[in-house]
Each structure stands twice: as structure tokens, then as C-alpha cells.
């Protein structure tokens, strides 16, 4: 079982930036897609971004496309989410997740595709 620990959340003004990190341990990192999800109060957890195990494929929710960038460093077992031009509607708890399936050929984008989750980090964007 992999352990995932997020960091980098905080309070930022609208238009600002944050960089989230997720450190993985306990299982092979480089052969799994990694994703970021978020959950706002009273709402369901939603997909934000995913990066393939091969680094060469990413996919974003329409709401963050062009503002957020997902990346990974397999040597450090870490996945990142660079968030720019933040909006109040980006306020949520952000979760890092690892795909259930190793070497999956297509990107995983639903919560049911991911089997391991971090504890989450709070991002609050003030207007």
C-alpha cells in the first residue's frame, strides 16, 4: 500500500499562485498514473488533473485548464500541482491519489480509478 502526503496548501488572494506537492512512499511510484482531486464544502469530490506514469500525457478538468499544471518527479516519488490565477471557486481540500492499476494504458480520471488517497491539504482563495 502506498502512503501519500500532500503539502503546500494555504490561504491566497484571488489571482495568486500555490504549488501543491504530494510525496509517495511504500510502493512503486513510477508505474502508476497520479491524480489530483478536490472537494469543496457540501460538494462531491471532483477530478482536477492527472499525469501518466510515462510523464508524457496529462489531462485537466475544464475548470482549471490553462491555469493549473500537473507534473511529477519519479526520482523523488513526488507529484506536483502548480496553481496559477487562482479563483475563489478553487477553494477546496485538495487530494492526491494513485491509480489502482499499474501501467494503465489510458489515463484514469474518475475517483473509482484511484485506490490510494492522501489526507488532503486545504486551499482557500479569498476574493
N, C-alpha and C. Protein backbone atom coordinates (compact mmCIF):
# COMPACT_ATOMS: atom_id res chain seq x y z
N UNK A 1 0.84 -1.18 0.00
CA UNK A 1 0.00 0.00 0.00
C UNK A 1 0.88 1.24 0.00
N UNK A 2 0.51 2.22 -0.79
CA UNK A 2 1.28 3.45 -0.86
C UNK A 2 0.74 4.45 0.15
N UNK A 3 1.63 5.25 0.70
CA UNK A 3 1.24 6.37 1.56
C UNK A 3 1.48 7.66 0.79
N UNK A 4 0.49 8.53 0.81
CA UNK A 4 0.56 9.80 0.08
C UNK A 4 0.39 10.94 1.07
N UNK A 5 1.28 11.92 1.01
CA UNK A 5 1.22 13.05 1.92
C UNK A 5 1.30 14.34 1.11
N UNK A 6 0.22 15.11 1.17
CA UNK A 6 0.16 16.38 0.47
C UNK A 6 0.69 17.51 1.34
N UNK A 7 1.18 18.54 0.68
CA UNK A 7 1.61 19.75 1.36
C UNK A 7 1.51 20.91 0.40
N UNK A 8 1.62 22.12 0.94
CA UNK A 8 1.65 23.31 0.10
C UNK A 8 0.37 24.11 0.05
N UNK A 9 -0.68 23.63 0.70
CA UNK A 9 -1.92 24.39 0.72
C UNK A 9 -1.79 25.64 1.59
N UNK A 10 -2.83 26.47 1.54
CA UNK A 10 -2.81 27.68 2.34
C UNK A 10 -3.85 28.67 1.89
N UNK A 11 -3.72 29.89 2.38
CA UNK A 11 -4.62 30.98 2.06
C UNK A 11 -3.93 31.91 1.07
N UNK A 12 -4.62 32.23 -0.01
CA UNK A 12 -4.04 33.09 -1.03
C UNK A 12 -5.15 33.99 -1.58
N UNK A 13 -4.76 35.16 -2.05
CA UNK A 13 -5.74 36.06 -2.66
C UNK A 13 -6.04 35.63 -4.09
N UNK A 14 -7.19 36.01 -4.56
CA UNK A 14 -7.56 35.72 -5.94
C UNK A 14 -6.50 36.28 -6.88
N UNK A 15 -6.16 35.48 -7.89
CA UNK A 15 -5.11 35.85 -8.82
C UNK A 15 -3.73 35.34 -8.42
N UNK A 16 -3.61 34.84 -7.22
CA UNK A 16 -2.34 34.35 -6.72
C UNK A 16 -2.05 32.92 -7.15
N UNK A 17 -0.94 32.40 -6.64
CA UNK A 17 -0.48 31.06 -7.02
C UNK A 17 -0.12 30.24 -5.79
N UNK A 18 -0.25 28.94 -5.95
CA UNK A 18 0.22 27.98 -4.95
C UNK A 18 0.77 26.77 -5.69
N UNK A 19 1.69 26.09 -5.04
CA UNK A 19 2.20 24.84 -5.58
C UNK A 19 2.01 23.74 -4.55
N UNK A 20 1.21 22.77 -4.91
CA UNK A 20 0.98 21.62 -4.04
C UNK A 20 1.97 20.51 -4.38
N UNK A 21 2.38 19.79 -3.34
CA UNK A 21 3.25 18.64 -3.52
C UNK A 21 2.60 17.42 -2.89
N UNK A 22 2.91 16.26 -3.42
CA UNK A 22 2.42 15.01 -2.86
C UNK A 22 3.57 14.01 -2.89
N UNK A 23 4.03 13.63 -1.71
CA UNK A 23 5.14 12.68 -1.59
C UNK A 23 4.58 11.28 -1.36
N UNK A 24 5.08 10.32 -2.14
CA UNK A 24 4.61 8.94 -2.05
C UNK A 24 5.69 8.04 -1.46
N UNK A 25 5.24 7.07 -0.70
CA UNK A 25 6.16 6.09 -0.14
C UNK A 25 5.45 4.76 0.02
N UNK A 26 6.22 3.69 0.06
CA UNK A 26 5.66 2.38 0.38
C UNK A 26 5.34 1.50 -0.81
N UNK A 27 5.32 2.06 -2.00
CA UNK A 27 5.05 1.24 -3.17
C UNK A 27 5.66 1.92 -4.38
N UNK A 28 5.87 1.16 -5.43
CA UNK A 28 6.43 1.72 -6.65
C UNK A 28 5.60 2.90 -7.12
N UNK A 29 6.26 3.97 -7.41
CA UNK A 29 5.58 5.22 -7.80
C UNK A 29 5.54 5.37 -9.31
N UNK A 30 6.62 5.02 -9.97
CA UNK A 30 6.80 5.40 -11.36
C UNK A 30 5.93 4.64 -12.35
N UNK A 31 5.24 3.61 -11.92
CA UNK A 31 4.44 2.81 -12.85
C UNK A 31 2.93 3.07 -12.73
N UNK A 32 2.57 4.12 -12.00
CA UNK A 32 1.16 4.44 -11.80
C UNK A 32 0.85 5.87 -12.23
N UNK A 33 -0.33 6.03 -12.85
CA UNK A 33 -0.82 7.39 -13.06
C UNK A 33 -1.04 8.02 -11.68
N UNK A 34 -0.87 9.35 -11.63
CA UNK A 34 -1.12 10.10 -10.40
C UNK A 34 -2.11 11.22 -10.69
N UNK A 35 -3.00 11.45 -9.75
CA UNK A 35 -4.03 12.45 -9.98
C UNK A 35 -4.20 13.40 -8.80
N UNK A 36 -4.84 14.53 -9.10
CA UNK A 36 -5.28 15.47 -8.08
C UNK A 36 -6.79 15.62 -8.19
N UNK A 37 -7.44 15.62 -7.04
CA UNK A 37 -8.87 15.85 -6.93
C UNK A 37 -9.09 16.94 -5.89
N UNK A 38 -10.30 17.46 -5.85
CA UNK A 38 -10.62 18.45 -4.82
C UNK A 38 -12.07 18.28 -4.36
N UNK A 39 -12.31 18.74 -3.14
CA UNK A 39 -13.65 18.66 -2.59
C UNK A 39 -13.95 19.93 -1.81
N UNK A 40 -14.96 20.65 -2.28
CA UNK A 40 -15.40 21.86 -1.60
C UNK A 40 -16.50 21.49 -0.61
N UNK A 41 -16.73 22.32 0.41
CA UNK A 41 -17.77 22.01 1.40
C UNK A 41 -19.12 21.80 0.75
N UNK A 42 -19.77 20.69 1.10
CA UNK A 42 -21.09 20.41 0.58
C UNK A 42 -21.13 19.87 -0.84
N UNK A 43 -19.96 19.64 -1.41
CA UNK A 43 -19.90 19.14 -2.79
C UNK A 43 -19.18 17.81 -2.85
N UNK A 44 -19.38 17.11 -3.95
CA UNK A 44 -18.69 15.85 -4.15
C UNK A 44 -17.24 16.09 -4.55
N UNK A 45 -16.42 15.09 -4.32
CA UNK A 45 -15.03 15.18 -4.75
C UNK A 45 -14.99 15.18 -6.27
N UNK A 46 -14.18 16.08 -6.84
CA UNK A 46 -14.12 16.20 -8.30
C UNK A 46 -12.69 16.10 -8.81
N UNK A 47 -12.61 15.61 -10.02
CA UNK A 47 -11.34 15.46 -10.70
C UNK A 47 -10.74 16.83 -11.03
N UNK A 48 -9.42 16.96 -10.87
CA UNK A 48 -8.72 18.20 -11.23
C UNK A 48 -7.73 17.94 -12.36
N UNK A 49 -6.83 16.97 -12.16
CA UNK A 49 -5.79 16.72 -13.15
C UNK A 49 -5.20 15.34 -12.95
N UNK A 50 -4.61 14.81 -14.02
CA UNK A 50 -3.93 13.51 -13.94
C UNK A 50 -2.70 13.56 -14.83
N UNK A 51 -1.68 12.81 -14.42
CA UNK A 51 -0.47 12.68 -15.22
C UNK A 51 -0.15 11.20 -15.35
N UNK A 52 0.25 10.82 -16.55
CA UNK A 52 0.54 9.41 -16.80
C UNK A 52 1.85 8.98 -16.13
N UNK A 53 1.98 7.66 -15.96
CA UNK A 53 3.22 7.14 -15.36
C UNK A 53 4.42 7.44 -16.24
N UNK A 54 4.16 7.64 -17.55
CA UNK A 54 5.24 7.91 -18.50
C UNK A 54 5.57 9.39 -18.64
N UNK A 55 4.91 10.23 -17.88
CA UNK A 55 5.16 11.69 -17.88
C UNK A 55 4.58 12.39 -19.10
N UNK A 56 4.30 11.67 -20.17
CA UNK A 56 4.05 12.35 -21.45
C UNK A 56 2.59 12.64 -21.73
N UNK A 57 1.73 12.37 -20.80
CA UNK A 57 0.32 12.60 -21.03
C UNK A 57 -0.32 13.19 -19.77
N UNK A 58 -1.02 14.29 -19.96
CA UNK A 58 -1.75 14.93 -18.87
C UNK A 58 -3.16 15.26 -19.33
N UNK A 59 -4.03 15.44 -18.36
CA UNK A 59 -5.41 15.79 -18.67
C UNK A 59 -5.95 16.61 -17.52
N UNK A 60 -6.76 17.64 -17.87
CA UNK A 60 -7.25 18.56 -16.86
C UNK A 60 -8.76 18.72 -16.94
N UNK A 61 -9.35 19.04 -15.82
CA UNK A 61 -10.74 19.45 -15.81
C UNK A 61 -10.84 20.79 -16.54
N UNK A 62 -11.94 21.01 -17.21
CA UNK A 62 -12.13 22.26 -17.95
C UNK A 62 -12.00 23.48 -17.04
N UNK A 63 -12.40 23.33 -15.80
CA UNK A 63 -12.41 24.47 -14.88
C UNK A 63 -11.01 24.96 -14.51
N UNK A 64 -9.99 24.13 -14.72
CA UNK A 64 -8.63 24.51 -14.34
C UNK A 64 -7.68 24.56 -15.53
N UNK A 65 -8.15 24.16 -16.68
CA UNK A 65 -7.29 24.11 -17.87
C UNK A 65 -6.71 25.48 -18.17
N UNK A 66 -5.42 25.53 -18.41
CA UNK A 66 -4.74 26.79 -18.69
C UNK A 66 -4.27 27.52 -17.46
N UNK A 67 -4.71 27.09 -16.28
CA UNK A 67 -4.29 27.74 -15.03
C UNK A 67 -3.47 26.81 -14.15
N UNK A 68 -3.78 25.52 -14.18
CA UNK A 68 -3.08 24.54 -13.35
C UNK A 68 -2.19 23.67 -14.22
N UNK A 69 -1.07 23.23 -13.62
CA UNK A 69 -0.15 22.33 -14.31
C UNK A 69 0.24 21.20 -13.37
N UNK A 70 0.04 19.98 -13.82
CA UNK A 70 0.46 18.81 -13.05
C UNK A 70 1.80 18.31 -13.58
N UNK A 71 2.66 17.89 -12.68
CA UNK A 71 3.95 17.34 -13.08
C UNK A 71 4.38 16.31 -12.05
N UNK A 72 5.42 15.56 -12.38
CA UNK A 72 5.90 14.54 -11.45
C UNK A 72 7.40 14.39 -11.57
N UNK A 73 8.00 13.98 -10.47
CA UNK A 73 9.42 13.69 -10.42
C UNK A 73 9.55 12.27 -9.87
N UNK A 74 9.75 11.31 -10.74
CA UNK A 74 9.78 9.92 -10.30
C UNK A 74 10.99 9.63 -9.42
N UNK A 75 12.06 10.39 -9.59
CA UNK A 75 13.24 10.19 -8.76
C UNK A 75 12.96 10.58 -7.31
N UNK A 76 12.03 11.51 -7.13
CA UNK A 76 11.67 11.97 -5.78
C UNK A 76 10.34 11.39 -5.30
N UNK A 77 9.73 10.55 -6.13
CA UNK A 77 8.41 9.97 -5.78
C UNK A 77 7.41 11.06 -5.40
N UNK A 78 7.38 12.10 -6.19
CA UNK A 78 6.56 13.26 -5.87
C UNK A 78 5.80 13.74 -7.10
N UNK A 79 4.55 14.12 -6.87
CA UNK A 79 3.73 14.74 -7.91
C UNK A 79 3.36 16.14 -7.43
N UNK A 80 3.28 17.06 -8.37
CA UNK A 80 3.04 18.47 -8.05
C UNK A 80 1.80 18.98 -8.77
N UNK A 81 1.23 20.03 -8.21
CA UNK A 81 0.16 20.75 -8.88
C UNK A 81 0.45 22.24 -8.73
N UNK A 82 0.88 22.85 -9.82
CA UNK A 82 1.10 24.30 -9.84
C UNK A 82 -0.21 24.97 -10.18
N UNK A 83 -0.66 25.85 -9.30
CA UNK A 83 -1.96 26.50 -9.48
C UNK A 83 -1.74 28.00 -9.60
N UNK A 84 -2.07 28.54 -10.76
CA UNK A 84 -1.93 29.97 -11.03
C UNK A 84 -3.30 30.59 -11.25
N UNK A 85 -3.34 31.91 -11.19
CA UNK A 85 -4.59 32.65 -11.42
C UNK A 85 -5.73 32.06 -10.61
N UNK A 86 -5.49 31.84 -9.36
CA UNK A 86 -6.48 31.19 -8.50
C UNK A 86 -7.73 32.05 -8.35
N UNK A 87 -8.86 31.35 -8.24
CA UNK A 87 -10.15 32.00 -8.10
C UNK A 87 -10.80 31.53 -6.79
N UNK A 88 -11.72 32.30 -6.24
CA UNK A 88 -12.40 31.85 -5.02
C UNK A 88 -13.07 30.49 -5.18
N UNK A 89 -13.53 30.18 -6.36
CA UNK A 89 -14.18 28.88 -6.60
C UNK A 89 -13.20 27.71 -6.61
N UNK A 90 -11.91 28.00 -6.53
CA UNK A 90 -10.91 26.92 -6.40
C UNK A 90 -10.74 26.50 -4.94
N UNK A 91 -11.40 27.20 -4.03
CA UNK A 91 -11.31 26.85 -2.61
C UNK A 91 -11.85 25.45 -2.37
N UNK A 92 -11.03 24.61 -1.75
CA UNK A 92 -11.39 23.21 -1.52
C UNK A 92 -10.25 22.52 -0.77
N UNK A 93 -10.54 21.31 -0.34
CA UNK A 93 -9.47 20.42 0.11
C UNK A 93 -8.98 19.66 -1.11
N UNK A 94 -7.68 19.70 -1.34
CA UNK A 94 -7.07 19.05 -2.50
C UNK A 94 -6.43 17.73 -2.07
N UNK A 95 -6.75 16.69 -2.85
CA UNK A 95 -6.27 15.36 -2.56
C UNK A 95 -5.41 14.82 -3.70
N UNK A 96 -4.35 14.19 -3.32
CA UNK A 96 -3.51 13.47 -4.26
C UNK A 96 -3.97 12.00 -4.26
N UNK A 97 -3.87 11.35 -5.42
CA UNK A 97 -4.32 9.96 -5.50
C UNK A 97 -3.48 9.17 -6.48
N UNK A 98 -3.37 7.87 -6.22
CA UNK A 98 -2.64 6.98 -7.11
C UNK A 98 -3.61 6.00 -7.76
N UNK A 99 -3.43 5.80 -9.05
CA UNK A 99 -4.25 4.86 -9.81
C UNK A 99 -4.22 3.47 -9.18
N UNK A 100 -5.34 2.76 -9.28
CA UNK A 100 -5.40 1.40 -8.77
C UNK A 100 -4.56 0.45 -9.60
N UNK A 101 -4.45 0.75 -10.89
CA UNK A 101 -3.88 -0.20 -11.83
C UNK A 101 -2.51 0.25 -12.30
N UNK A 102 -1.55 -0.65 -12.22
CA UNK A 102 -0.21 -0.36 -12.68
C UNK A 102 -0.15 -0.41 -14.20
N UNK A 103 0.65 0.50 -14.76
CA UNK A 103 0.89 0.51 -16.21
C UNK A 103 -0.41 0.64 -17.03
N UNK A 104 -1.41 1.33 -16.47
CA UNK A 104 -2.65 1.51 -17.22
C UNK A 104 -2.36 2.23 -18.53
N UNK A 105 -2.99 1.80 -19.60
CA UNK A 105 -2.68 2.36 -20.93
C UNK A 105 -3.41 3.66 -21.21
N UNK A 106 -4.55 3.87 -20.60
CA UNK A 106 -5.26 5.13 -20.79
C UNK A 106 -5.29 5.87 -19.46
N UNK A 107 -5.49 7.18 -19.51
CA UNK A 107 -5.48 7.97 -18.29
C UNK A 107 -6.71 7.66 -17.44
N UNK A 108 -6.47 7.60 -16.16
CA UNK A 108 -7.56 7.43 -15.20
C UNK A 108 -8.06 8.82 -14.80
N UNK A 109 -9.37 9.01 -14.80
CA UNK A 109 -9.90 10.34 -14.49
C UNK A 109 -11.07 10.33 -13.51
N UNK A 110 -11.51 9.17 -13.08
CA UNK A 110 -12.63 9.11 -12.13
C UNK A 110 -12.13 8.66 -10.76
N UNK A 111 -12.86 9.02 -9.72
CA UNK A 111 -12.44 8.65 -8.37
C UNK A 111 -12.34 7.14 -8.21
N UNK A 112 -13.18 6.41 -8.90
CA UNK A 112 -13.18 4.95 -8.76
C UNK A 112 -11.94 4.30 -9.38
N UNK A 113 -11.23 5.03 -10.23
CA UNK A 113 -9.99 4.51 -10.82
C UNK A 113 -8.82 4.57 -9.86
N UNK A 114 -8.96 5.35 -8.80
CA UNK A 114 -7.85 5.59 -7.89
C UNK A 114 -8.07 4.84 -6.58
N UNK A 115 -7.02 4.17 -6.11
CA UNK A 115 -7.20 3.32 -4.94
C UNK A 115 -6.52 3.82 -3.69
N UNK A 116 -5.60 4.78 -3.84
CA UNK A 116 -4.88 5.29 -2.68
C UNK A 116 -4.98 6.81 -2.66
N UNK A 117 -5.26 7.36 -1.48
CA UNK A 117 -5.51 8.79 -1.34
C UNK A 117 -4.70 9.36 -0.19
N UNK A 118 -4.31 10.62 -0.36
CA UNK A 118 -3.69 11.34 0.74
C UNK A 118 -4.75 11.89 1.68
N UNK A 119 -4.28 12.59 2.70
CA UNK A 119 -5.20 13.12 3.70
C UNK A 119 -5.79 14.46 3.29
N UNK A 120 -5.22 15.08 2.28
CA UNK A 120 -5.74 16.33 1.77
C UNK A 120 -5.03 17.55 2.34
N UNK A 121 -5.04 18.62 1.57
CA UNK A 121 -4.49 19.90 2.01
C UNK A 121 -5.46 21.00 1.62
N UNK A 122 -5.71 21.90 2.55
CA UNK A 122 -6.73 22.95 2.34
C UNK A 122 -6.15 24.09 1.50
N UNK A 123 -6.89 24.47 0.49
CA UNK A 123 -6.59 25.66 -0.31
C UNK A 123 -7.76 26.61 -0.18
N UNK A 124 -7.47 27.83 0.26
CA UNK A 124 -8.50 28.85 0.41
C UNK A 124 -8.10 30.07 -0.39
N UNK A 125 -8.99 30.49 -1.30
CA UNK A 125 -8.73 31.64 -2.14
C UNK A 125 -9.70 32.74 -1.76
N UNK A 126 -9.18 33.84 -1.31
CA UNK A 126 -10.04 34.96 -0.89
C UNK A 126 -10.24 35.93 -2.04
N UNK A 127 -11.41 36.56 -2.04
CA UNK A 127 -11.74 37.49 -3.14
C UNK A 127 -11.29 38.90 -2.81
